[in-house]
C-alpha cells in the first residue's frame, strides 16, 4: 500500500492519479497490482481505511464502483481520472464525449522540429501491412484526426538533436499523438511501435530485446506524458496537472541548441 501511485486529488467522488509509465490501465490476469484500476480498487477497499492497515489508504471509507474516465497507453505517464461511482462516471463521461476537455501532453521527439508550432491533420486507420495487430497508420480512408503542437525546447545530446513539444490533441484517436509525430518525421523517443522499426515492439513482446536495441530506444518507456486535463465540472473550471517522471526531466538537462 505504500506506493500504489501518486495521488493528485481525491474527494468523495473522484480520484485523480499520476499514472506511472509502464503500468496498464485495464485489469490483467496478474493481480490487482498489475493495473492502475486494480491498484485503485485496492486503495479504495473499505478495510484499507482501518488504522492498522500499512501504507496510506484512502480516507474515504467507501465501497466504490470505480470507473476509468480517461485511459493512457501502458508506456504513457500522466493524469488519469477515476470516478468512485456510476453517477460521477456518467457525468464525466458526457463531458469527455462532448470534447469539452482540453488535454495537454509533453513529448520528447527525435530531430529538430523546424516550425515553432503546427497542426497535424491526417486521418488514421488500421495498418493492414503490419505484423502488429494493434498498429494503426495514416491512411486517406481513416478517421479524421488533428494534433496541435508547440515547441518548448530544442536541444542536443552529442551529435543527436531532440525537441521537447507541448501537444494538444484536437481529437482522440488510438495512438494519435505517437502516429502523427512519426508521420511528420519526428517519432517519440523510445516508441517501439512507431519509431521506424516495429521489430523493436515484437522483440519487447517476445522478451528478446537486446542491449543494442535498448540503447537505440534510449528509454525503457516512450517519452510521452499526459501533463494536464482542463474542463468545466459542476460550474467550475478545473485543472489537474503533474510533472513527468525523473528520467524524462533528466534527459532534458542536455546541451541546448536554442
C-alpha atoms as a PDB file:
ATOM      1  CA  UNK A   1       0.000   0.000   0.000  1.00  0.00           C
ATOM      2  CA  UNK A   2       2.974   2.333   0.414  1.00  0.00           C
ATOM      3  CA  UNK A   3       3.447   3.138  -3.264  1.00  0.00           C
ATOM      4  CA  UNK A   4       0.405   2.232  -5.323  1.00  0.00           C
ATOM      5  CA  UNK A   5       0.550   5.548  -7.225  1.00  0.00           C
ATOM      6  CA  UNK A   6       0.905   9.314  -6.817  1.00  0.00           C
ATOM      7  CA  UNK A   7      -2.428  10.940  -5.931  1.00  0.00           C
ATOM      8  CA  UNK A   8      -3.021  14.399  -7.418  1.00  0.00           C
ATOM      9  CA  UNK A   9      -6.512  14.925  -5.971  1.00  0.00           C
ATOM     10  CA  UNK A  10      -9.151  12.996  -4.076  1.00  0.00           C
ATOM     11  CA  UNK A  11     -12.616  13.644  -2.702  1.00  0.00           C
ATOM     12  CA  UNK A  12     -15.707  11.516  -2.129  1.00  0.00           C
ATOM     13  CA  UNK A  13     -16.473  11.377  -5.859  1.00  0.00           C
ATOM     14  CA  UNK A  14     -13.163  11.456  -7.703  1.00  0.00           C
ATOM     15  CA  UNK A  15      -9.627  10.070  -7.546  1.00  0.00           C
ATOM     16  CA  UNK A  16      -7.002  11.686  -9.807  1.00  0.00           C
ATOM     17  CA  UNK A  17      -3.732   9.823 -10.273  1.00  0.00           C
ATOM     18  CA  UNK A  18      -0.375  10.441 -11.911  1.00  0.00           C
ATOM     19  CA  UNK A  19      -0.077   7.092 -13.701  1.00  0.00           C
ATOM     20  CA  UNK A  20       3.491   5.799 -13.871  1.00  0.00           C
ATOM     21  CA  UNK A  21       4.937   4.792 -17.225  1.00  0.00           C
ATOM     22  CA  UNK A  22       4.866   1.022 -17.769  1.00  0.00           C
ATOM     23  CA  UNK A  23       1.592   0.374 -15.938  1.00  0.00           C
ATOM     24  CA  UNK A  24      -1.520  -0.682 -17.891  1.00  0.00           C
ATOM     25  CA  UNK A  25      -4.843   0.987 -17.097  1.00  0.00           C
ATOM     26  CA  UNK A  26      -7.128  -2.027 -17.519  1.00  0.00           C
ATOM     27  CA  UNK A  27      -7.262  -5.162 -15.337  1.00  0.00           C
ATOM     28  CA  UNK A  28      -4.918  -8.039 -16.137  1.00  0.00           C
ATOM     29  CA  UNK A  29      -4.671 -11.667 -15.046  1.00  0.00           C
ATOM     30  CA  UNK A  30      -1.660 -10.888 -12.876  1.00  0.00           C
ATOM     31  CA  UNK A  31      -3.424  -9.468  -9.825  1.00  0.00           C
ATOM     32  CA  UNK A  32      -4.513  -6.069  -8.543  1.00  0.00           C
ATOM     33  CA  UNK A  33      -1.019  -4.551  -8.528  1.00  0.00           C
ATOM     34  CA  UNK A  34      -0.557  -5.155 -12.256  1.00  0.00           C
ATOM     35  CA  UNK A  35      -3.019  -2.477 -13.438  1.00  0.00           C
ATOM     36  CA  UNK A  36      -3.978   1.063 -12.500  1.00  0.00           C
ATOM     37  CA  UNK A  37      -7.650   0.249 -11.959  1.00  0.00           C
ATOM     38  CA  UNK A  38      -6.664  -2.779  -9.852  1.00  0.00           C
ATOM     39  CA  UNK A  39      -4.467  -0.604  -7.649  1.00  0.00           C
ATOM     40  CA  UNK A  40      -7.251   1.982  -7.348  1.00  0.00           C
ATOM     41  CA  UNK A  41      -9.711  -0.661  -6.198  1.00  0.00           C
ATOM     42  CA  UNK A  42      -7.152  -1.973  -3.725  1.00  0.00           C
ATOM     43  CA  UNK A  43      -6.570   1.541  -2.407  1.00  0.00           C
ATOM     44  CA  UNK A  44     -10.298   2.222  -2.035  1.00  0.00           C
ATOM     45  CA  UNK A  45     -11.264  -1.001  -0.265  1.00  0.00           C
ATOM     46  CA  UNK A  46     -13.076  -0.125   2.990  1.00  0.00           C
ATOM     47  CA  UNK A  47     -10.814  -2.347   5.096  1.00  0.00           C
ATOM     48  CA  UNK A  48      -7.822  -0.282   3.983  1.00  0.00           C
ATOM     49  CA  UNK A  49      -9.176   2.674   5.950  1.00  0.00           C
ATOM     50  CA  UNK A  50      -8.589   0.893   9.266  1.00  0.00           C
ATOM     51  CA  UNK A  51      -5.775   2.362  11.391  1.00  0.00           C
ATOM     52  CA  UNK A  52      -3.787  -0.895  11.461  1.00  0.00           C
ATOM     53  CA  UNK A  53      -3.501  -1.002   7.668  1.00  0.00           C
ATOM     54  CA  UNK A  54       0.009  -0.212   6.460  1.00  0.00           C
ATOM     55  CA  UNK A  55       0.722   2.482   3.919  1.00  0.00           C
ATOM     56  CA  UNK A  56      -1.548   5.417   3.098  1.00  0.00           C
ATOM     57  CA  UNK A  57      -5.050   4.122   2.415  1.00  0.00           C
ATOM     58  CA  UNK A  58      -7.969   6.219   1.267  1.00  0.00           C
ATOM     59  CA  UNK A  59      -9.542   8.437   3.908  1.00  0.00           C
ATOM     60  CA  UNK A  60     -12.908   7.888   2.223  1.00  0.00           C
ATOM     61  CA  UNK A  61     -14.364   4.696   3.713  1.00  0.00           C
ATOM     62  CA  UNK A  62     -16.427   3.643   0.710  1.00  0.00           C
ATOM     63  CA  UNK A  63     -17.301   0.523  -1.225  1.00  0.00           C
ATOM     64  CA  UNK A  64     -16.874   2.194  -4.593  1.00  0.00           C
ATOM     65  CA  UNK A  65     -17.763   1.166  -8.101  1.00  0.00           C
ATOM     66  CA  UNK A  66     -14.629   2.536  -9.722  1.00  0.00           C
ATOM     67  CA  UNK A  67     -14.607   3.685 -13.346  1.00  0.00           C
ATOM     68  CA  UNK A  68     -11.699   4.861 -15.502  1.00  0.00           C
ATOM     69  CA  UNK A  69     -12.740   8.134 -17.142  1.00  0.00           C
ATOM     70  CA  UNK A  70      -9.730   8.509 -19.409  1.00  0.00           C
ATOM     71  CA  UNK A  71      -7.090   5.965 -20.389  1.00  0.00           C
ATOM     72  CA  UNK A  72      -3.433   6.115 -21.329  1.00  0.00           C
ATOM     73  CA  UNK A  73      -1.221   3.655 -23.189  1.00  0.00           C
ATOM     74  CA  UNK A  74       0.879   1.427 -20.936  1.00  0.00           C
ATOM     75  CA  UNK A  75       4.087   3.386 -21.517  1.00  0.00           C
ATOM     76  CA  UNK A  76       2.469   6.833 -21.281  1.00  0.00           C
ATOM     77  CA  UNK A  77       2.598   8.520 -17.880  1.00  0.00           C
ATOM     78  CA  UNK A  78       0.333  11.231 -16.538  1.00  0.00           C
ATOM     79  CA  UNK A  79      -3.091  12.348 -15.388  1.00  0.00           C
ATOM     80  CA  UNK A  80      -5.835   9.710 -15.136  1.00  0.00           C
ATOM     81  CA  UNK A  81      -9.292  10.338 -13.658  1.00  0.00           C
ATOM     82  CA  UNK A  82     -11.161   7.624 -11.763  1.00  0.00           C
ATOM     83  CA  UNK A  83     -14.805   8.073 -10.733  1.00  0.00           C
ATOM     84  CA  UNK A  84     -15.805   6.411  -7.482  1.00  0.00           C
ATOM     85  CA  UNK A  85     -19.392   5.692  -8.512  1.00  0.00           C
ATOM     86  CA  UNK A  86     -21.526   5.253 -11.628  1.00  0.00           C
ATOM     87  CA  UNK A  87     -23.250   8.626 -11.294  1.00  0.00           C
ATOM     88  CA  UNK A  88     -19.986  10.545 -11.356  1.00  0.00           C
ATOM     89  CA  UNK A  89     -18.703   8.306 -14.173  1.00  0.00           C
ATOM     90  CA  UNK A  90     -21.756   9.155 -16.272  1.00  0.00           C
ATOM     91  CA  UNK A  91     -21.420  12.864 -15.579  1.00  0.00           C
ATOM     92  CA  UNK A  92     -17.736  12.983 -16.503  1.00  0.00           C
ATOM     93  CA  UNK A  93     -18.237  10.605 -19.426  1.00  0.00           C
ATOM     94  CA  UNK A  94     -20.620  13.059 -21.074  1.00  0.00           C
ATOM     95  CA  UNK A  95     -18.092  15.871 -20.659  1.00  0.00           C
ATOM     96  CA  UNK A  96     -15.340  13.816 -22.292  1.00  0.00           C
ATOM     97  CA  UNK A  97     -17.613  12.569 -25.087  1.00  0.00           C
ATOM     98  CA  UNK A  98     -18.599  16.146 -25.938  1.00  0.00           C
ATOM     99  CA  UNK A  99     -14.903  17.020 -26.449  1.00  0.00           C
ATOM    100  CA  UNK A 100     -15.194  19.709 -23.780  1.00  0.00           C
ATOM    101  CA  UNK A 101     -11.922  18.597 -22.201  1.00  0.00           C
ATOM    102  CA  UNK A 102      -8.574  20.159 -23.096  1.00  0.00           C
ATOM    103  CA  UNK A 103      -5.781  17.611 -22.890  1.00  0.00           C
ATOM    104  CA  UNK A 104      -2.151  18.638 -22.836  1.00  0.00           C
ATOM    105  CA  UNK A 105       0.856  16.369 -23.303  1.00  0.00           C
ATOM    106  CA  UNK A 106       4.626  16.685 -23.252  1.00  0.00           C
ATOM    107  CA  UNK A 107       6.758  14.638 -25.635  1.00  0.00           C
ATOM    108  CA  UNK A 108      10.440  14.332 -26.469  1.00  0.00           C
ATOM    109  CA  UNK A 109      10.894  13.565 -30.155  1.00  0.00           C
ATOM    110  CA  UNK A 110      13.818  12.736 -32.402  1.00  0.00           C
ATOM    111  CA  UNK A 111      15.262  15.520 -34.511  1.00  0.00           C
ATOM    112  CA  UNK A 112      14.907  19.275 -34.708  1.00  0.00           C
ATOM    113  CA  UNK A 113      11.279  20.224 -35.335  1.00  0.00           C
ATOM    114  CA  UNK A 114      11.503  23.319 -37.537  1.00  0.00           C
ATOM    115  CA  UNK A 115       8.197  25.222 -37.136  1.00  0.00           C
ATOM    116  CA  UNK A 116       7.516  26.870 -33.772  1.00  0.00           C
ATOM    117  CA  UNK A 117       4.013  25.438 -33.854  1.00  0.00           C
ATOM    118  CA  UNK A 118       1.769  23.485 -36.188  1.00  0.00           C
ATOM    119  CA  UNK A 119      -1.318  21.399 -36.721  1.00  0.00           C
ATOM    120  CA  UNK A 120      -1.031  17.824 -37.973  1.00  0.00           C
ATOM    121  CA  UNK A 121      -4.230  16.910 -39.813  1.00  0.00           C
ATOM    122  CA  UNK A 122      -4.021  13.322 -41.044  1.00  0.00           C
ATOM    123  CA  UNK A 123      -6.694  10.575 -40.918  1.00  0.00           C
ATOM    124  CA  UNK A 124      -5.865   7.364 -39.058  1.00  0.00           C
ATOM    125  CA  UNK A 125      -6.874   3.740 -39.534  1.00  0.00           C
ATOM    126  CA  UNK A 126      -5.641   0.168 -39.220  1.00  0.00           C
ATOM    127  CA  UNK A 127      -2.215  -0.643 -40.653  1.00  0.00           C
ATOM    128  CA  UNK A 128      -3.076  -3.744 -42.660  1.00  0.00           C
ATOM    129  CA  UNK A 129       0.543  -4.272 -43.741  1.00  0.00           C
ATOM    130  CA  UNK A 130       1.906  -4.528 -40.218  1.00  0.00           C
ATOM    131  CA  UNK A 131       2.627  -7.751 -38.334  1.00  0.00           C
ATOM    132  CA  UNK A 132       1.391  -5.986 -35.186  1.00  0.00           C
ATOM    133  CA  UNK A 133      -2.383  -6.269 -34.832  1.00  0.00           C
ATOM    134  CA  UNK A 134      -2.776  -3.088 -32.745  1.00  0.00           C
ATOM    135  CA  UNK A 135      -0.782  -0.863 -35.098  1.00  0.00           C
ATOM    136  CA  UNK A 136      -2.523   1.943 -36.991  1.00  0.00           C
ATOM    137  CA  UNK A 137      -1.295   4.261 -39.728  1.00  0.00           C
ATOM    138  CA  UNK A 138      -2.120   7.403 -41.658  1.00  0.00           C
ATOM    139  CA  UNK A 139      -4.484   6.461 -44.481  1.00  0.00           C
ATOM    140  CA  UNK A 140      -6.853   8.512 -46.690  1.00  0.00           C
ATOM    141  CA  UNK A 141      -9.938   6.484 -45.711  1.00  0.00           C
ATOM    142  CA  UNK A 142      -9.192   6.672 -41.985  1.00  0.00           C
ATOM    143  CA  UNK A 143     -10.941   8.590 -39.210  1.00  0.00           C
ATOM    144  CA  UNK A 144     -10.270  12.325 -39.023  1.00  0.00           C
ATOM    145  CA  UNK A 145      -7.525  13.238 -36.546  1.00  0.00           C
ATOM    146  CA  UNK A 146      -5.846  16.522 -35.621  1.00  0.00           C
ATOM    147  CA  UNK A 147      -2.901  17.167 -33.296  1.00  0.00           C
ATOM    148  CA  UNK A 148      -1.580  20.641 -32.464  1.00  0.00           C
ATOM    149  CA  UNK A 149       1.995  21.097 -31.246  1.00  0.00           C
ATOM    150  CA  UNK A 150       4.200  23.871 -29.872  1.00  0.00           C
ATOM    151  CA  UNK A 151       7.982  23.962 -29.466  1.00  0.00           C
ATOM    152  CA  UNK A 152       9.096  24.023 -25.841  1.00  0.00           C
ATOM    153  CA  UNK A 153      12.811  23.396 -26.315  1.00  0.00           C
ATOM    154  CA  UNK A 154      15.294  22.208 -28.900  1.00  0.00           C
ATOM    155  CA  UNK A 155      18.400  20.515 -27.549  1.00  0.00           C
ATOM    156  CA  UNK A 156      21.132  18.043 -28.365  1.00  0.00           C
ATOM    157  CA  UNK A 157      22.956  15.142 -26.821  1.00  0.00           C
ATOM    158  CA  UNK A 158      26.239  14.707 -28.594  1.00  0.00           C
ATOM    159  CA  UNK A 159      25.526  14.803 -32.331  1.00  0.00           C
ATOM    160  CA  UNK A 160      21.850  13.869 -31.937  1.00  0.00           C
ATOM    161  CA  UNK A 161      19.155  16.516 -31.857  1.00  0.00           C
ATOM    162  CA  UNK A 162      15.873  16.332 -29.987  1.00  0.00           C
ATOM    163  CA  UNK A 163      12.823  18.528 -29.452  1.00  0.00           C
ATOM    164  CA  UNK A 164      10.534  18.882 -26.455  1.00  0.00           C
ATOM    165  CA  UNK A 165       6.961  19.533 -27.595  1.00  0.00           C
ATOM    166  CA  UNK A 166       3.789  20.695 -25.886  1.00  0.00           C
ATOM    167  CA  UNK A 167       0.935  18.864 -27.563  1.00  0.00           C
ATOM    168  CA  UNK A 168      -2.815  19.449 -27.615  1.00  0.00           C
ATOM    169  CA  UNK A 169      -4.757  16.663 -29.372  1.00  0.00           C
ATOM    170  CA  UNK A 170      -7.902  18.019 -31.001  1.00  0.00           C
ATOM    171  CA  UNK A 171      -9.318  14.524 -31.491  1.00  0.00           C
ATOM    172  CA  UNK A 172      -8.846  11.328 -29.512  1.00  0.00           C
ATOM    173  CA  UNK A 173      -7.888   8.513 -31.870  1.00  0.00           C
ATOM    174  CA  UNK A 174      -5.895   5.469 -30.801  1.00  0.00           C
ATOM    175  CA  UNK A 175      -2.137   6.160 -30.718  1.00  0.00           C
ATOM    176  CA  UNK A 176      -2.904   9.535 -32.334  1.00  0.00           C
ATOM    177  CA  UNK A 177      -0.043  11.610 -30.937  1.00  0.00           C
ATOM    178  CA  UNK A 178       2.547   8.904 -31.497  1.00  0.00           C
ATOM    179  CA  UNK A 179       1.358   8.284 -35.049  1.00  0.00           C
ATOM    180  CA  UNK A 180       1.116  11.934 -36.051  1.00  0.00           C
ATOM    181  CA  UNK A 181       4.591  12.798 -34.778  1.00  0.00           C
ATOM    182  CA  UNK A 182       6.077   9.807 -36.579  1.00  0.00           C
ATOM    183  CA  UNK A 183       4.156  10.868 -39.703  1.00  0.00           C
ATOM    184  CA  UNK A 184       5.951  14.244 -39.797  1.00  0.00           C
ATOM    185  CA  UNK A 185       9.328  12.553 -39.333  1.00  0.00           C
ATOM    186  CA  UNK A 186       9.765  13.130 -35.599  1.00  0.00           C
ATOM    187  CA  UNK A 187       8.828   9.932 -33.711  1.00  0.00           C
ATOM    188  CA  UNK A 188       8.701   9.988 -29.932  1.00  0.00           C
ATOM    189  CA  UNK A 189      11.933   8.838 -28.299  1.00  0.00           C
ATOM    190  CA  UNK A 190      11.548   5.264 -27.069  1.00  0.00           C
ATOM    191  CA  UNK A 191       8.489   4.463 -29.212  1.00  0.00           C
ATOM    192  CA  UNK A 192       8.856   0.811 -30.159  1.00  0.00           C
ATOM    193  CA  UNK A 193       5.847   0.666 -32.458  1.00  0.00           C
ATOM    194  CA  UNK A 194       6.025   3.920 -34.419  1.00  0.00           C
ATOM    195  CA  UNK A 195       9.730   4.686 -34.170  1.00  0.00           C
ATOM    196  CA  UNK A 196      10.554   3.239 -37.576  1.00  0.00           C
ATOM    197  CA  UNK A 197      11.377  -0.354 -36.633  1.00  0.00           C
ATOM    198  CA  UNK A 198       8.357  -2.311 -35.421  1.00  0.00           C
ATOM    199  CA  UNK A 199      10.590  -5.316 -34.672  1.00  0.00           C
ATOM    200  CA  UNK A 200      11.503  -3.417 -31.508  1.00  0.00           C
ATOM    201  CA  UNK A 201       7.891  -3.823 -30.396  1.00  0.00           C
ATOM    202  CA  UNK A 202       7.836  -7.501 -31.363  1.00  0.00           C
ATOM    203  CA  UNK A 203      11.131  -8.030 -29.527  1.00  0.00           C
ATOM    204  CA  UNK A 204       9.621  -6.449 -26.410  1.00  0.00           C
ATOM    205  CA  UNK A 205       6.520  -8.637 -26.565  1.00  0.00           C
ATOM    206  CA  UNK A 206       8.633 -11.746 -27.180  1.00  0.00           C
ATOM    207  CA  UNK A 207      11.084 -10.781 -24.410  1.00  0.00           C
ATOM    208  CA  UNK A 208      14.101 -10.709 -26.704  1.00  0.00           C
ATOM    209  CA  UNK A 209      15.207  -7.073 -26.671  1.00  0.00           C
ATOM    210  CA  UNK A 210      18.987  -6.960 -26.977  1.00  0.00           C
ATOM    211  CA  UNK A 211      21.246  -4.432 -25.194  1.00  0.00           C
ATOM    212  CA  UNK A 212      21.835  -2.806 -28.592  1.00  0.00           C
ATOM    213  CA  UNK A 213      18.094  -2.410 -29.174  1.00  0.00           C
ATOM    214  CA  UNK A 214      17.614  -0.966 -25.700  1.00  0.00           C
ATOM    215  CA  UNK A 215      20.389   1.527 -26.360  1.00  0.00           C
ATOM    216  CA  UNK A 216      18.720   2.503 -29.631  1.00  0.00           C
ATOM    217  CA  UNK A 217      15.445   3.164 -27.806  1.00  0.00           C
ATOM    218  CA  UNK A 218      17.248   5.293 -25.158  1.00  0.00           C
ATOM    219  CA  UNK A 219      14.334   4.957 -22.705  1.00  0.00           C
ATOM    220  CA  UNK A 220      12.588   1.927 -21.251  1.00  0.00           C
ATOM    221  CA  UNK A 221       9.250   3.653 -21.948  1.00  0.00           C
ATOM    222  CA  UNK A 222       8.398   6.127 -24.677  1.00  0.00           C
ATOM    223  CA  UNK A 223       8.758   9.793 -23.740  1.00  0.00           C
ATOM    224  CA  UNK A 224       5.102  10.831 -23.774  1.00  0.00           C
ATOM    225  CA  UNK A 225       3.489  12.365 -20.691  1.00  0.00           C
ATOM    226  CA  UNK A 226      -0.149  13.410 -20.184  1.00  0.00           C
ATOM    227  CA  UNK A 227       0.590  16.669 -18.398  1.00  0.00           C
ATOM    228  CA  UNK A 228      -2.839  18.216 -17.836  1.00  0.00           C
ATOM    229  CA  UNK A 229      -6.609  17.909 -18.124  1.00  0.00           C
ATOM    230  CA  UNK A 230      -8.822  21.011 -18.063  1.00  0.00           C
ATOM    231  CA  UNK A 231     -12.631  21.078 -18.140  1.00  0.00           C
ATOM    232  CA  UNK A 232     -15.770  22.654 -16.700  1.00  0.00           C
ATOM    233  CA  UNK A 233     -17.289  20.483 -13.977  1.00  0.00           C
ATOM    234  CA  UNK A 234     -20.224  21.341 -11.748  1.00  0.00           C
ATOM    235  CA  UNK A 235     -19.959  25.003 -12.641  1.00  0.00           C
ATOM    236  CA  UNK A 236     -16.247  25.345 -12.033  1.00  0.00           C
ATOM    237  CA  UNK A 237     -13.278  25.336 -14.388  1.00  0.00           C
ATOM    238  CA  UNK A 238     -10.822  22.792 -13.004  1.00  0.00           C
ATOM    239  CA  UNK A 239      -7.369  21.602 -13.997  1.00  0.00           C
ATOM    240  CA  UNK A 240      -5.366  18.584 -12.908  1.00  0.00           C
ATOM    241  CA  UNK A 241      -1.690  18.536 -13.841  1.00  0.00           C
ATOM    242  CA  UNK A 242       1.564  16.788 -12.969  1.00  0.00           C
ATOM    243  CA  UNK A 243       5.217  16.812 -13.956  1.00  0.00           C
ATOM    244  CA  UNK A 244       6.808  13.959 -15.920  1.00  0.00           C
ATOM    245  CA  UNK A 245       8.924  11.281 -14.271  1.00  0.00           C
ATOM    246  CA  UNK A 246      12.585  11.917 -13.278  1.00  0.00           C
ATOM    247  CA  UNK A 247      14.088  10.054 -16.268  1.00  0.00           C
ATOM    248  CA  UNK A 248      12.093  12.306 -18.616  1.00  0.00           C
ATOM    249  CA  UNK A 249      13.182  15.526 -16.893  1.00  0.00           C
ATOM    250  CA  UNK A 250      16.811  14.423 -16.541  1.00  0.00           C
ATOM    251  CA  UNK A 251      17.102  13.857 -20.282  1.00  0.00           C
ATOM    252  CA  UNK A 252      16.150  17.490 -20.850  1.00  0.00           C
ATOM    253  CA  UNK A 253      19.238  18.709 -18.991  1.00  0.00           C
ATOM    254  CA  UNK A 254      21.275  18.354 -22.160  1.00  0.00           C
ATOM    255  CA  UNK A 255      23.197  20.843 -24.266  1.00  0.00           C
ATOM    256  CA  UNK A 256      20.842  23.458 -25.667  1.00  0.00           C
ATOM    257  CA  UNK A 257      20.606  24.080 -29.393  1.00  0.00           C
ATOM    258  CA  UNK A 258      18.345  27.088 -28.800  1.00  0.00           C
END
